[in-house]
Amino acid sequence: MEEKYKQKTANCIKVVLFGPESTGKTTLSRQLARYYNSVWVPEYAREYLQNKWNNERKTCEAKDLLPIAEGQMRLENELSKKTDTVLICDTDLLETKVYSEAYYLGSCDPILEKYALENTYDLYFLTYIDTPWEADDLRDKPYERQRMFDAFESTLKDNKRPYVLLKGNKNERLETAVHHINRLLKL
């Protein structure tokens, strides 16, 4: 049953865009996929939670996190078969774990926590909060950006995940990310 949260072996480098809401992760994911003529894994939570909002006018609840994790890993595992270079992940289960702890009194479902810590990636790009915050149906923490950024960075440090901080405009972020991915690809 828990296999659905497990990362499958893939013949590619995997990088994750990681950080608070509205910090340019999706935009950069798309740019990087185009740059490398590869694929990117969208954030499953956005589709899932937008549908929930549209159909029920409800926001994320703790019970939604495991279905979100399952959907995210299904997408990642399917899309990782479509590249042998680099897979750009708009998020991962570790990000879902950070949100779980931030929204649900420091708690995280043990299954989510297990796979958030077991699944591995070659590099994380931690997106800084120097981009304008853009409202939508799902975003809700415009005044807690620094606190959330600190939680994301602490999680990477505490779990000894390799990461690069991305700051600046879209071009600067893209240039920095490409430089580090090229090093992984040995280009």
C-alpha atoms as a PDB file:
ATOM      1  CA  MET A   1       0.000   0.000   0.000  1.00  0.00           C
ATOM      2  CA  GLU A   2       2.784   2.436   0.886  1.00  0.00           C
ATOM      3  CA  GLU A   3       4.567   1.722  -2.403  1.00  0.00           C
ATOM      4  CA  LYS A   4       2.532   4.503  -4.012  1.00  0.00           C
ATOM      5  CA  TYR A   5       4.591   7.084  -2.079  1.00  0.00           C
ATOM      6  CA  LYS A   6       7.920   5.550  -3.005  1.00  0.00           C
ATOM      7  CA  GLN A   7      10.222   7.031  -5.589  1.00  0.00           C
ATOM      8  CA  LYS A   8      11.134   4.639  -8.396  1.00  0.00           C
ATOM      9  CA  THR A   9      14.659   4.404  -9.736  1.00  0.00           C
ATOM     10  CA  ALA A  10      15.180   6.597 -12.775  1.00  0.00           C
ATOM     11  CA  ASN A  11      17.916   7.084 -15.340  1.00  0.00           C
ATOM     12  CA  CYS A  12      18.142  10.849 -14.925  1.00  0.00           C
ATOM     13  CA  ILE A  13      19.239  13.584 -12.595  1.00  0.00           C
ATOM     14  CA  LYS A  14      16.404  14.921 -10.454  1.00  0.00           C
ATOM     15  CA  VAL A  15      16.239  18.483  -9.221  1.00  0.00           C
ATOM     16  CA  VAL A  16      13.508  20.030  -7.069  1.00  0.00           C
ATOM     17  CA  LEU A  17      12.217  23.582  -6.920  1.00  0.00           C
ATOM     18  CA  PHE A  18      11.575  24.067  -3.207  1.00  0.00           C
ATOM     19  CA  GLY A  19      10.262  26.976  -1.211  1.00  0.00           C
ATOM     20  CA  PRO A  20       7.284  29.025  -0.050  1.00  0.00           C
ATOM     21  CA  GLU A  21       4.243  29.837  -2.141  1.00  0.00           C
ATOM     22  CA  SER A  22       4.532  32.433  -4.882  1.00  0.00           C
ATOM     23  CA  THR A  23       8.321  32.326  -5.207  1.00  0.00           C
ATOM     24  CA  GLY A  24       8.565  31.402  -8.896  1.00  0.00           C
ATOM     25  CA  LYS A  25       8.909  27.618  -8.692  1.00  0.00           C
ATOM     26  CA  THR A  26       6.469  26.779 -11.489  1.00  0.00           C
ATOM     27  CA  THR A  27       7.772  29.485 -13.806  1.00  0.00           C
ATOM     28  CA  LEU A  28      11.356  28.299 -13.352  1.00  0.00           C
ATOM     29  CA  SER A  29      10.367  24.630 -13.673  1.00  0.00           C
ATOM     30  CA  ARG A  30       8.882  25.328 -17.089  1.00  0.00           C
ATOM     31  CA  GLN A  31      11.900  27.424 -18.145  1.00  0.00           C
ATOM     32  CA  LEU A  32      14.352  24.711 -17.122  1.00  0.00           C
ATOM     33  CA  ALA A  33      12.411  21.964 -18.873  1.00  0.00           C
ATOM     34  CA  ARG A  34      12.405  24.035 -22.061  1.00  0.00           C
ATOM     35  CA  TYR A  35      16.097  24.879 -21.708  1.00  0.00           C
ATOM     36  CA  TYR A  36      17.071  21.210 -21.345  1.00  0.00           C
ATOM     37  CA  ASN A  37      14.428  19.936 -23.774  1.00  0.00           C
ATOM     38  CA  SER A  38      13.261  17.712 -20.951  1.00  0.00           C
ATOM     39  CA  VAL A  39      10.154  17.278 -18.822  1.00  0.00           C
ATOM     40  CA  TRP A  40       8.962  18.844 -15.608  1.00  0.00           C
ATOM     41  CA  VAL A  41       6.755  17.413 -12.917  1.00  0.00           C
ATOM     42  CA  PRO A  42       3.979  19.867 -12.039  1.00  0.00           C
ATOM     43  CA  GLU A  43       2.812  20.398  -8.485  1.00  0.00           C
ATOM     44  CA  TYR A  44      -0.043  17.911  -8.079  1.00  0.00           C
ATOM     45  CA  ALA A  45      -1.361  19.756  -5.003  1.00  0.00           C
ATOM     46  CA  ARG A  46      -2.347  22.773  -7.104  1.00  0.00           C
ATOM     47  CA  GLU A  47      -4.656  20.750  -9.350  1.00  0.00           C
ATOM     48  CA  TYR A  48      -6.036  18.702  -6.453  1.00  0.00           C
ATOM     49  CA  LEU A  49      -6.692  21.703  -4.201  1.00  0.00           C
ATOM     50  CA  GLN A  50      -8.032  23.913  -6.988  1.00  0.00           C
ATOM     51  CA  ASN A  51     -10.584  21.187  -7.809  1.00  0.00           C
ATOM     52  CA  LYS A  52     -11.492  20.929  -4.129  1.00  0.00           C
ATOM     53  CA  TRP A  53     -11.940  24.703  -3.930  1.00  0.00           C
ATOM     54  CA  ASN A  54     -13.987  24.833  -7.141  1.00  0.00           C
ATOM     55  CA  ASN A  55     -16.244  21.942  -6.128  1.00  0.00           C
ATOM     56  CA  GLU A  56     -16.554  22.344  -2.352  1.00  0.00           C
ATOM     57  CA  ARG A  57     -15.246  25.843  -1.541  1.00  0.00           C
ATOM     58  CA  LYS A  58     -12.876  24.190   0.942  1.00  0.00           C
ATOM     59  CA  THR A  59      -9.153  24.631   1.395  1.00  0.00           C
ATOM     60  CA  CYS A  60      -6.553  22.010   2.227  1.00  0.00           C
ATOM     61  CA  GLU A  61      -7.175  19.787   5.225  1.00  0.00           C
ATOM     62  CA  ALA A  62      -4.780  17.331   6.856  1.00  0.00           C
ATOM     63  CA  LYS A  63      -6.700  14.425   5.264  1.00  0.00           C
ATOM     64  CA  ASP A  64      -5.754  15.769   1.808  1.00  0.00           C
ATOM     65  CA  LEU A  65      -2.000  15.390   2.292  1.00  0.00           C
ATOM     66  CA  LEU A  66      -1.679  11.662   1.601  1.00  0.00           C
ATOM     67  CA  PRO A  67      -3.741  11.826  -1.608  1.00  0.00           C
ATOM     68  CA  ILE A  68      -1.607  14.803  -2.657  1.00  0.00           C
ATOM     69  CA  ALA A  69       1.590  12.855  -1.889  1.00  0.00           C
ATOM     70  CA  GLU A  70       0.303   9.850  -3.830  1.00  0.00           C
ATOM     71  CA  GLY A  71      -0.561  11.998  -6.846  1.00  0.00           C
ATOM     72  CA  GLN A  72       2.794  13.773  -6.741  1.00  0.00           C
ATOM     73  CA  MET A  73       4.755  10.538  -6.713  1.00  0.00           C
ATOM     74  CA  ARG A  74       2.604   8.993  -9.441  1.00  0.00           C
ATOM     75  CA  LEU A  75       3.380  12.000 -11.674  1.00  0.00           C
ATOM     76  CA  GLU A  76       7.078  11.983 -10.825  1.00  0.00           C
ATOM     77  CA  ASN A  77       7.463   8.246 -11.393  1.00  0.00           C
ATOM     78  CA  GLU A  78       5.610   8.396 -14.733  1.00  0.00           C
ATOM     79  CA  LEU A  79       7.459  11.444 -16.031  1.00  0.00           C
ATOM     80  CA  SER A  80      10.889  10.241 -14.929  1.00  0.00           C
ATOM     81  CA  LYS A  81      10.590   7.543 -17.626  1.00  0.00           C
ATOM     82  CA  LYS A  82      10.419  10.247 -20.307  1.00  0.00           C
ATOM     83  CA  THR A  83      13.926  11.655 -19.858  1.00  0.00           C
ATOM     84  CA  ASP A  84      17.451  10.383 -19.495  1.00  0.00           C
ATOM     85  CA  THR A  85      18.953  13.789 -18.709  1.00  0.00           C
ATOM     86  CA  VAL A  86      17.278  15.927 -16.062  1.00  0.00           C
ATOM     87  CA  LEU A  87      13.843  15.790 -14.458  1.00  0.00           C
ATOM     88  CA  ILE A  88      12.630  19.119 -13.087  1.00  0.00           C
ATOM     89  CA  CYS A  89      10.320  18.631 -10.103  1.00  0.00           C
ATOM     90  CA  ASP A  90       8.124  21.594  -9.180  1.00  0.00           C
ATOM     91  CA  THR A  91       7.896  20.150  -5.657  1.00  0.00           C
ATOM     92  CA  ASP A  92       8.467  16.953  -3.675  1.00  0.00           C
ATOM     93  CA  LEU A  93       7.113  15.213  -0.593  1.00  0.00           C
ATOM     94  CA  LEU A  94       9.561  17.068   1.650  1.00  0.00           C
ATOM     95  CA  GLU A  95       7.788  20.292   0.671  1.00  0.00           C
ATOM     96  CA  THR A  96       4.441  18.690   1.536  1.00  0.00           C
ATOM     97  CA  LYS A  97       5.927  17.746   4.913  1.00  0.00           C
ATOM     98  CA  VAL A  98       6.963  21.386   5.546  1.00  0.00           C
ATOM     99  CA  TYR A  99       3.439  22.568   4.771  1.00  0.00           C
ATOM    100  CA  SER A 100       1.923  19.863   6.961  1.00  0.00           C
ATOM    101  CA  GLU A 101       4.011  20.980   9.920  1.00  0.00           C
ATOM    102  CA  ALA A 102       3.300  24.669   9.251  1.00  0.00           C
ATOM    103  CA  TYR A 103      -0.464  24.264   8.957  1.00  0.00           C
ATOM    104  CA  TYR A 104      -1.268  21.365  11.288  1.00  0.00           C
ATOM    105  CA  LEU A 105       0.407  22.193  14.602  1.00  0.00           C
ATOM    106  CA  GLY A 106       3.789  20.746  13.779  1.00  0.00           C
ATOM    107  CA  SER A 107       2.429  17.333  12.840  1.00  0.00           C
ATOM    108  CA  CYS A 108       2.951  15.196   9.782  1.00  0.00           C
ATOM    109  CA  ASP A 109       1.413  11.845   8.891  1.00  0.00           C
ATOM    110  CA  PRO A 110       4.058   9.159   9.579  1.00  0.00           C
ATOM    111  CA  ILE A 111       3.695   7.723   6.060  1.00  0.00           C
ATOM    112  CA  LEU A 112       4.230  11.127   4.463  1.00  0.00           C
ATOM    113  CA  GLU A 113       7.190  11.796   6.733  1.00  0.00           C
ATOM    114  CA  LYS A 114       8.777   8.417   5.970  1.00  0.00           C
ATOM    115  CA  TYR A 115       8.748   8.920   2.204  1.00  0.00           C
ATOM    116  CA  ALA A 116       9.532  12.621   2.378  1.00  0.00           C
ATOM    117  CA  LEU A 117      12.777  11.630   4.079  1.00  0.00           C
ATOM    118  CA  GLU A 118      13.485   8.471   2.043  1.00  0.00           C
ATOM    119  CA  ASN A 119      12.958   9.848  -1.470  1.00  0.00           C
ATOM    120  CA  THR A 120      16.127  11.469  -2.768  1.00  0.00           C
ATOM    121  CA  TYR A 121      17.074  14.122  -5.309  1.00  0.00           C
ATOM    122  CA  ASP A 122      20.359  15.292  -6.746  1.00  0.00           C
ATOM    123  CA  LEU A 123      19.808  18.960  -5.946  1.00  0.00           C
ATOM    124  CA  TYR A 124      17.253  21.338  -4.470  1.00  0.00           C
ATOM    125  CA  PHE A 125      16.771  24.902  -5.637  1.00  0.00           C
ATOM    126  CA  LEU A 126      15.495  26.919  -2.672  1.00  0.00           C
ATOM    127  CA  THR A 127      13.512  29.856  -4.053  1.00  0.00           C
ATOM    128  CA  TYR A 128      13.832  33.069  -2.097  1.00  0.00           C
ATOM    129  CA  ILE A 129      10.986  35.447  -1.274  1.00  0.00           C
ATOM    130  CA  ASP A 130      12.270  38.342  -3.388  1.00  0.00           C
ATOM    131  CA  THR A 131       9.527  37.824  -5.990  1.00  0.00           C
ATOM    132  CA  PRO A 132       6.208  39.653  -5.696  1.00  0.00           C
ATOM    133  CA  TRP A 133       3.522  37.665  -3.890  1.00  0.00           C
ATOM    134  CA  GLU A 134       0.606  36.911  -6.221  1.00  0.00           C
ATOM    135  CA  ALA A 135      -2.803  36.058  -4.803  1.00  0.00           C
ATOM    136  CA  ASP A 136      -4.908  33.176  -6.078  1.00  0.00           C
ATOM    137  CA  ASP A 137      -7.562  30.829  -4.668  1.00  0.00           C
ATOM    138  CA  LEU A 138      -4.987  28.695  -2.841  1.00  0.00           C
ATOM    139  CA  ARG A 139      -2.277  31.019  -1.543  1.00  0.00           C
ATOM    140  CA  ASP A 140      -2.883  32.347   1.929  1.00  0.00           C
ATOM    141  CA  LYS A 141       0.301  33.431   3.700  1.00  0.00           C
ATOM    142  CA  PRO A 142       1.461  36.738   2.194  1.00  0.00           C
ATOM    143  CA  TYR A 143       2.581  38.048   5.590  1.00  0.00           C
ATOM    144  CA  GLU A 144       4.400  34.896   6.656  1.00  0.00           C
ATOM    145  CA  ARG A 145       6.839  34.608   3.777  1.00  0.00           C
ATOM    146  CA  GLN A 146       9.990  34.949   5.887  1.00  0.00           C
ATOM    147  CA  ARG A 147       8.768  32.430   8.466  1.00  0.00           C
ATOM    148  CA  MET A 148       7.892  29.966   5.720  1.00  0.00           C
ATOM    149  CA  PHE A 149      11.197  30.529   3.917  1.00  0.00           C
ATOM    150  CA  ASP A 150      13.045  29.859   7.182  1.00  0.00           C
ATOM    151  CA  ALA A 151      11.063  26.627   7.659  1.00  0.00           C
ATOM    152  CA  PHE A 152      11.991  25.447   4.150  1.00  0.00           C
ATOM    153  CA  GLU A 153      15.664  26.280   4.578  1.00  0.00           C
ATOM    154  CA  SER A 154      15.815  24.657   8.029  1.00  0.00           C
ATOM    155  CA  THR A 155      14.265  21.498   6.610  1.00  0.00           C
ATOM    156  CA  LEU A 156      16.929  21.260   3.905  1.00  0.00           C
ATOM    157  CA  LYS A 157      19.720  21.858   6.419  1.00  0.00           C
ATOM    158  CA  ASP A 158      18.300  19.522   9.080  1.00  0.00           C
ATOM    159  CA  ASN A 159      17.943  16.721   6.528  1.00  0.00           C
ATOM    160  CA  LYS A 160      21.327  17.410   4.911  1.00  0.00           C
ATOM    161  CA  ARG A 161      19.853  17.966   1.452  1.00  0.00           C
ATOM    162  CA  PRO A 162      22.102  19.561  -1.181  1.00  0.00           C
ATOM    163  CA  TYR A 163      20.670  22.929  -2.162  1.00  0.00           C
ATOM    164  CA  VAL A 164      21.356  26.197  -3.918  1.00  0.00           C
ATOM    165  CA  LEU A 165      19.580  29.413  -2.964  1.00  0.00           C
ATOM    166  CA  LEU A 166      17.943  31.146  -5.928  1.00  0.00           C
ATOM    167  CA  LYS A 167      17.502  34.912  -5.724  1.00  0.00           C
ATOM    168  CA  GLY A 168      16.959  37.679  -8.207  1.00  0.00           C
ATOM    169  CA  ASN A 169      14.876  38.075 -11.316  1.00  0.00           C
ATOM    170  CA  LYS A 170      13.763  35.264 -13.630  1.00  0.00           C
ATOM    171  CA  ASN A 171      16.885  35.463 -15.788  1.00  0.00           C
ATOM    172  CA  GLU A 172      19.262  35.469 -12.821  1.00  0.00           C
ATOM    173  CA  ARG A 173      17.515  32.474 -11.285  1.00  0.00           C
ATOM    174  CA  LEU A 174      17.534  30.591 -14.577  1.00  0.00           C
ATOM    175  CA  GLU A 175      21.236  31.322 -15.106  1.00  0.00           C
ATOM    176  CA  THR A 176      22.136  30.124 -11.598  1.00  0.00           C
ATOM    177  CA  ALA A 177      20.025  26.975 -11.918  1.00  0.00           C
ATOM    178  CA  VAL A 178      21.477  26.127 -15.355  1.00  0.00           C
ATOM    179  CA  HIS A 179      25.011  26.564 -14.023  1.00  0.00           C
ATOM    180  CA  HIS A 180      24.379  24.050 -11.230  1.00  0.00           C
ATOM    181  CA  ILE A 181      22.463  21.564 -13.379  1.00  0.00           C
ATOM    182  CA  ASN A 182      25.250  21.668 -15.970  1.00  0.00           C
ATOM    183  CA  ARG A 183      27.704  20.746 -13.241  1.00  0.00           C
ATOM    184  CA  LEU A 184      25.535  17.732 -12.358  1.00  0.00           C
ATOM    185  CA  LEU A 185      25.303  16.773 -16.033  1.00  0.00           C
ATOM    186  CA  LYS A 186      29.052  17.412 -16.374  1.00  0.00           C
ATOM    187  CA  LEU A 187      28.486  19.795 -19.297  1.00  0.00           C
END
